[in-house]
Amino acid sequence: MQNLALLEANAYECDVLLPIVVHMARWRLRVLVFPETGRRWTARALEHDIACEGRTIEAAVDSLAKIARAHIAYDHRHNRIPLSAFVAAPQMYWNAFDGGTQLPPTADLDSPESGTSLQIVAAVVERRPGIYDRVPVGRTA
């Protein structure tokens, strides 16, 4: 990834070398999956803050993979660094990922139109990060 940052710094090198580097890239996304209300699951990518919902854990992760592949293909067609439009997720999601239950990694999802492959590593947590239990307030008279 440092090489891509160096290429961004020099516009000439970026125009010449970026399509070659991106064409051969293998992208790995860490994804945090957590339940929402109404029996829905949210999958949220950490390196690039993208989120999708689904009725099951697998459906949420699959939706996120489809969105990521579509953005990677779009960026490839426009000679941009894949997923560069998305910043990283907030730190509380990274912390939750570290404490979550790891799912088996997905097989590499190849994208023939952009020449890249995408691997998703997911972790599941019991509740949405940032939601805290209420502390009962005692009665006073």
C-alpha atoms as a PDB file:
ATOM      1  CA  MET A   1       0.000   0.000   0.000  1.00  0.00           C
ATOM      2  CA  GLN A   2       2.937   2.365   0.570  1.00  0.00           C
ATOM      3  CA  ASN A   3       3.833   2.003  -3.093  1.00  0.00           C
ATOM      4  CA  LEU A   4       0.366   3.194  -4.068  1.00  0.00           C
ATOM      5  CA  ALA A   5       0.748   6.227  -1.788  1.00  0.00           C
ATOM      6  CA  LEU A   6       4.054   7.067  -3.455  1.00  0.00           C
ATOM      7  CA  LEU A   7       2.435   6.777  -6.886  1.00  0.00           C
ATOM      8  CA  GLU A   8      -0.303   9.178  -5.839  1.00  0.00           C
ATOM      9  CA  ALA A   9       2.320  11.769  -4.918  1.00  0.00           C
ATOM     10  CA  ASN A  10       3.647  12.017  -8.470  1.00  0.00           C
ATOM     11  CA  ALA A  11       0.960  12.650 -11.090  1.00  0.00           C
ATOM     12  CA  TYR A  12       3.113  11.516 -14.024  1.00  0.00           C
ATOM     13  CA  GLU A  13       4.019   8.187 -12.435  1.00  0.00           C
ATOM     14  CA  CYS A  14       0.421   7.789 -11.357  1.00  0.00           C
ATOM     15  CA  ASP A  15      -0.832   8.130 -14.948  1.00  0.00           C
ATOM     16  CA  VAL A  16       1.753   5.687 -16.283  1.00  0.00           C
ATOM     17  CA  LEU A  17       2.171   3.068 -13.550  1.00  0.00           C
ATOM     18  CA  LEU A  18      -1.112   3.071 -11.642  1.00  0.00           C
ATOM     19  CA  PRO A  19      -3.094   1.030 -14.205  1.00  0.00           C
ATOM     20  CA  ILE A  20      -0.376  -1.637 -14.134  1.00  0.00           C
ATOM     21  CA  VAL A  21      -0.194  -1.815 -10.318  1.00  0.00           C
ATOM     22  CA  VAL A  22      -3.968  -1.844  -9.838  1.00  0.00           C
ATOM     23  CA  HIS A  23      -4.472  -4.482 -12.530  1.00  0.00           C
ATOM     24  CA  MET A  24      -2.362  -6.965 -10.579  1.00  0.00           C
ATOM     25  CA  ALA A  25      -3.693  -6.078  -7.111  1.00  0.00           C
ATOM     26  CA  ARG A  26      -5.154  -8.399  -4.522  1.00  0.00           C
ATOM     27  CA  TRP A  27      -7.401  -6.612  -2.045  1.00  0.00           C
ATOM     28  CA  ARG A  28      -8.224  -7.814   1.447  1.00  0.00           C
ATOM     29  CA  LEU A  29     -11.144  -6.366   3.370  1.00  0.00           C
ATOM     30  CA  ARG A  30     -11.760  -6.888   7.061  1.00  0.00           C
ATOM     31  CA  VAL A  31     -15.489  -6.858   7.740  1.00  0.00           C
ATOM     32  CA  LEU A  32     -17.322  -6.494  11.027  1.00  0.00           C
ATOM     33  CA  VAL A  33     -20.790  -8.080  11.140  1.00  0.00           C
ATOM     34  CA  PHE A  34     -23.292  -7.155  13.838  1.00  0.00           C
ATOM     35  CA  PRO A  35     -27.050  -7.520  14.399  1.00  0.00           C
ATOM     36  CA  GLU A  36     -29.500  -4.672  13.873  1.00  0.00           C
ATOM     37  CA  THR A  37     -33.079  -4.449  15.013  1.00  0.00           C
ATOM     38  CA  GLY A  38     -35.688  -6.454  13.144  1.00  0.00           C
ATOM     39  CA  ARG A  39     -33.581  -9.546  12.481  1.00  0.00           C
ATOM     40  CA  ARG A  40     -31.215  -7.757  10.102  1.00  0.00           C
ATOM     41  CA  TRP A  41     -27.419  -7.941  10.001  1.00  0.00           C
ATOM     42  CA  THR A  42     -24.993  -5.190   9.008  1.00  0.00           C
ATOM     43  CA  ALA A  43     -21.610  -5.902   7.432  1.00  0.00           C
ATOM     44  CA  ARG A  44     -19.177  -2.985   7.656  1.00  0.00           C
ATOM     45  CA  ALA A  45     -15.786  -2.946   5.941  1.00  0.00           C
ATOM     46  CA  LEU A  46     -12.989  -1.480   8.040  1.00  0.00           C
ATOM     47  CA  GLU A  47     -10.259  -0.431   5.598  1.00  0.00           C
ATOM     48  CA  HIS A  48     -12.847   1.358   3.458  1.00  0.00           C
ATOM     49  CA  ASP A  49     -15.992   2.434   5.307  1.00  0.00           C
ATOM     50  CA  ILE A  50     -18.695   0.640   3.318  1.00  0.00           C
ATOM     51  CA  ALA A  51     -21.743  -0.929   4.983  1.00  0.00           C
ATOM     52  CA  CYS A  52     -24.505  -3.250   3.743  1.00  0.00           C
ATOM     53  CA  GLU A  53     -27.425  -5.047   5.352  1.00  0.00           C
ATOM     54  CA  GLY A  54     -28.867  -8.512   4.889  1.00  0.00           C
ATOM     55  CA  ARG A  55     -31.316 -10.920   6.490  1.00  0.00           C
ATOM     56  CA  THR A  56     -28.466 -13.269   7.400  1.00  0.00           C
ATOM     57  CA  ILE A  57     -24.765 -12.860   8.144  1.00  0.00           C
ATOM     58  CA  GLU A  58     -23.914 -14.427   4.788  1.00  0.00           C
ATOM     59  CA  ALA A  59     -26.327 -12.151   2.885  1.00  0.00           C
ATOM     60  CA  ALA A  60     -24.859  -9.028   4.500  1.00  0.00           C
ATOM     61  CA  VAL A  61     -21.275 -10.068   3.697  1.00  0.00           C
ATOM     62  CA  ASP A  62     -22.264 -11.063   0.145  1.00  0.00           C
ATOM     63  CA  SER A  63     -23.917  -7.671  -0.434  1.00  0.00           C
ATOM     64  CA  LEU A  64     -20.791  -5.921   0.793  1.00  0.00           C
ATOM     65  CA  ALA A  65     -18.605  -8.011  -1.530  1.00  0.00           C
ATOM     66  CA  LYS A  66     -20.804  -7.092  -4.507  1.00  0.00           C
ATOM     67  CA  ILE A  67     -20.642  -3.379  -3.671  1.00  0.00           C
ATOM     68  CA  ALA A  68     -16.861  -3.507  -3.193  1.00  0.00           C
ATOM     69  CA  ARG A  69     -16.353  -5.351  -6.506  1.00  0.00           C
ATOM     70  CA  ALA A  70     -18.530  -2.824  -8.331  1.00  0.00           C
ATOM     71  CA  HIS A  71     -16.530   0.099  -6.902  1.00  0.00           C
ATOM     72  CA  ILE A  72     -13.220  -1.605  -7.688  1.00  0.00           C
ATOM     73  CA  ALA A  73     -14.323  -2.141 -11.309  1.00  0.00           C
ATOM     74  CA  TYR A  74     -15.499   1.489 -11.583  1.00  0.00           C
ATOM     75  CA  ASP A  75     -12.224   2.797 -10.168  1.00  0.00           C
ATOM     76  CA  HIS A  76     -10.264   0.544 -12.518  1.00  0.00           C
ATOM     77  CA  ARG A  77     -12.158   1.883 -15.554  1.00  0.00           C
ATOM     78  CA  HIS A  78     -11.333   5.437 -14.458  1.00  0.00           C
ATOM     79  CA  ASN A  79      -7.658   4.757 -13.594  1.00  0.00           C
ATOM     80  CA  ARG A  80      -8.172   5.425  -9.898  1.00  0.00           C
ATOM     81  CA  ILE A  81      -6.890   3.553  -6.881  1.00  0.00           C
ATOM     82  CA  PRO A  82      -9.623   1.041  -5.980  1.00  0.00           C
ATOM     83  CA  LEU A  83     -11.911   2.111  -3.159  1.00  0.00           C
ATOM     84  CA  SER A  84      -9.946   5.350  -2.702  1.00  0.00           C
ATOM     85  CA  ALA A  85     -13.198   7.301  -2.285  1.00  0.00           C
ATOM     86  CA  PHE A  86     -13.853   5.584   1.062  1.00  0.00           C
ATOM     87  CA  VAL A  87     -12.000   6.431   4.266  1.00  0.00           C
ATOM     88  CA  ALA A  88     -11.373   3.877   7.011  1.00  0.00           C
ATOM     89  CA  ALA A  89     -14.127   3.033   9.489  1.00  0.00           C
ATOM     90  CA  PRO A  90     -14.058   4.662  12.956  1.00  0.00           C
ATOM     91  CA  GLN A  91     -11.762   3.109  15.561  1.00  0.00           C
ATOM     92  CA  MET A  92     -14.619   1.596  17.620  1.00  0.00           C
ATOM     93  CA  TYR A  93     -15.376  -0.778  14.719  1.00  0.00           C
ATOM     94  CA  TRP A  94     -11.704  -1.845  14.511  1.00  0.00           C
ATOM     95  CA  ASN A  95     -11.704  -2.523  18.267  1.00  0.00           C
ATOM     96  CA  ALA A  96     -14.901  -4.569  17.967  1.00  0.00           C
ATOM     97  CA  PHE A  97     -13.380  -6.569  15.081  1.00  0.00           C
ATOM     98  CA  ASP A  98     -10.417  -7.524  17.275  1.00  0.00           C
ATOM     99  CA  GLY A  99     -12.779  -8.801  19.987  1.00  0.00           C
ATOM    100  CA  GLY A 100     -15.231 -10.538  17.632  1.00  0.00           C
ATOM    101  CA  THR A 101     -15.586 -14.160  16.593  1.00  0.00           C
ATOM    102  CA  GLN A 102     -13.668 -14.729  13.369  1.00  0.00           C
ATOM    103  CA  LEU A 103     -15.475 -16.372  10.466  1.00  0.00           C
ATOM    104  CA  PRO A 104     -13.582 -18.536   7.969  1.00  0.00           C
ATOM    105  CA  PRO A 105     -12.060 -16.299   5.259  1.00  0.00           C
ATOM    106  CA  THR A 106     -13.869 -16.221   1.953  1.00  0.00           C
ATOM    107  CA  ALA A 107     -12.241 -17.613  -1.133  1.00  0.00           C
ATOM    108  CA  ASP A 108     -10.665 -14.970  -3.343  1.00  0.00           C
ATOM    109  CA  LEU A 109     -13.409 -13.319  -5.336  1.00  0.00           C
ATOM    110  CA  ASP A 110     -11.894 -12.607  -8.728  1.00  0.00           C
ATOM    111  CA  SER A 111     -13.103  -9.664 -10.750  1.00  0.00           C
ATOM    112  CA  PRO A 112     -12.293 -10.355 -14.400  1.00  0.00           C
ATOM    113  CA  GLU A 113     -13.161  -6.854 -15.641  1.00  0.00           C
ATOM    114  CA  SER A 114     -10.633  -5.205 -13.322  1.00  0.00           C
ATOM    115  CA  GLY A 115      -8.106  -8.027 -12.996  1.00  0.00           C
ATOM    116  CA  THR A 116      -8.191  -7.885  -9.202  1.00  0.00           C
ATOM    117  CA  SER A 117      -9.144 -10.359  -6.523  1.00  0.00           C
ATOM    118  CA  LEU A 118     -10.888  -9.603  -3.253  1.00  0.00           C
ATOM    119  CA  GLN A 119     -10.591 -11.591  -0.033  1.00  0.00           C
ATOM    120  CA  ILE A 120     -12.974 -10.896   2.841  1.00  0.00           C
ATOM    121  CA  VAL A 121     -12.061 -11.679   6.435  1.00  0.00           C
ATOM    122  CA  ALA A 122     -15.103 -11.252   8.685  1.00  0.00           C
ATOM    123  CA  ALA A 123     -15.749 -11.198  12.416  1.00  0.00           C
ATOM    124  CA  VAL A 124     -19.122 -11.263  14.178  1.00  0.00           C
ATOM    125  CA  VAL A 125     -19.982  -9.406  17.377  1.00  0.00           C
ATOM    126  CA  GLU A 126     -23.103  -9.714  19.545  1.00  0.00           C
ATOM    127  CA  ARG A 127     -24.178  -6.075  19.278  1.00  0.00           C
ATOM    128  CA  ARG A 128     -23.551  -2.928  17.290  1.00  0.00           C
ATOM    129  CA  PRO A 129     -20.403  -1.112  18.465  1.00  0.00           C
ATOM    130  CA  GLY A 130     -21.181   2.117  20.261  1.00  0.00           C
ATOM    131  CA  ILE A 131     -24.406   0.809  21.819  1.00  0.00           C
ATOM    132  CA  TYR A 132     -24.031   0.567  25.558  1.00  0.00           C
ATOM    133  CA  ASP A 133     -26.196  -1.013  28.231  1.00  0.00           C
ATOM    134  CA  ARG A 134     -28.268   1.419  30.219  1.00  0.00           C
ATOM    135  CA  VAL A 135     -27.313   1.723  33.823  1.00  0.00           C
ATOM    136  CA  PRO A 136     -30.425   1.450  35.961  1.00  0.00           C
ATOM    137  CA  VAL A 137     -31.148   4.613  37.862  1.00  0.00           C
ATOM    138  CA  GLY A 138     -32.106   3.987  41.464  1.00  0.00           C
ATOM    139  CA  ARG A 139     -35.208   5.566  42.880  1.00  0.00           C
ATOM    140  CA  THR A 140     -34.765   8.344  45.303  1.00  0.00           C
ATOM    141  CA  ALA A 141     -37.518   9.710  47.458  1.00  0.00           C
END
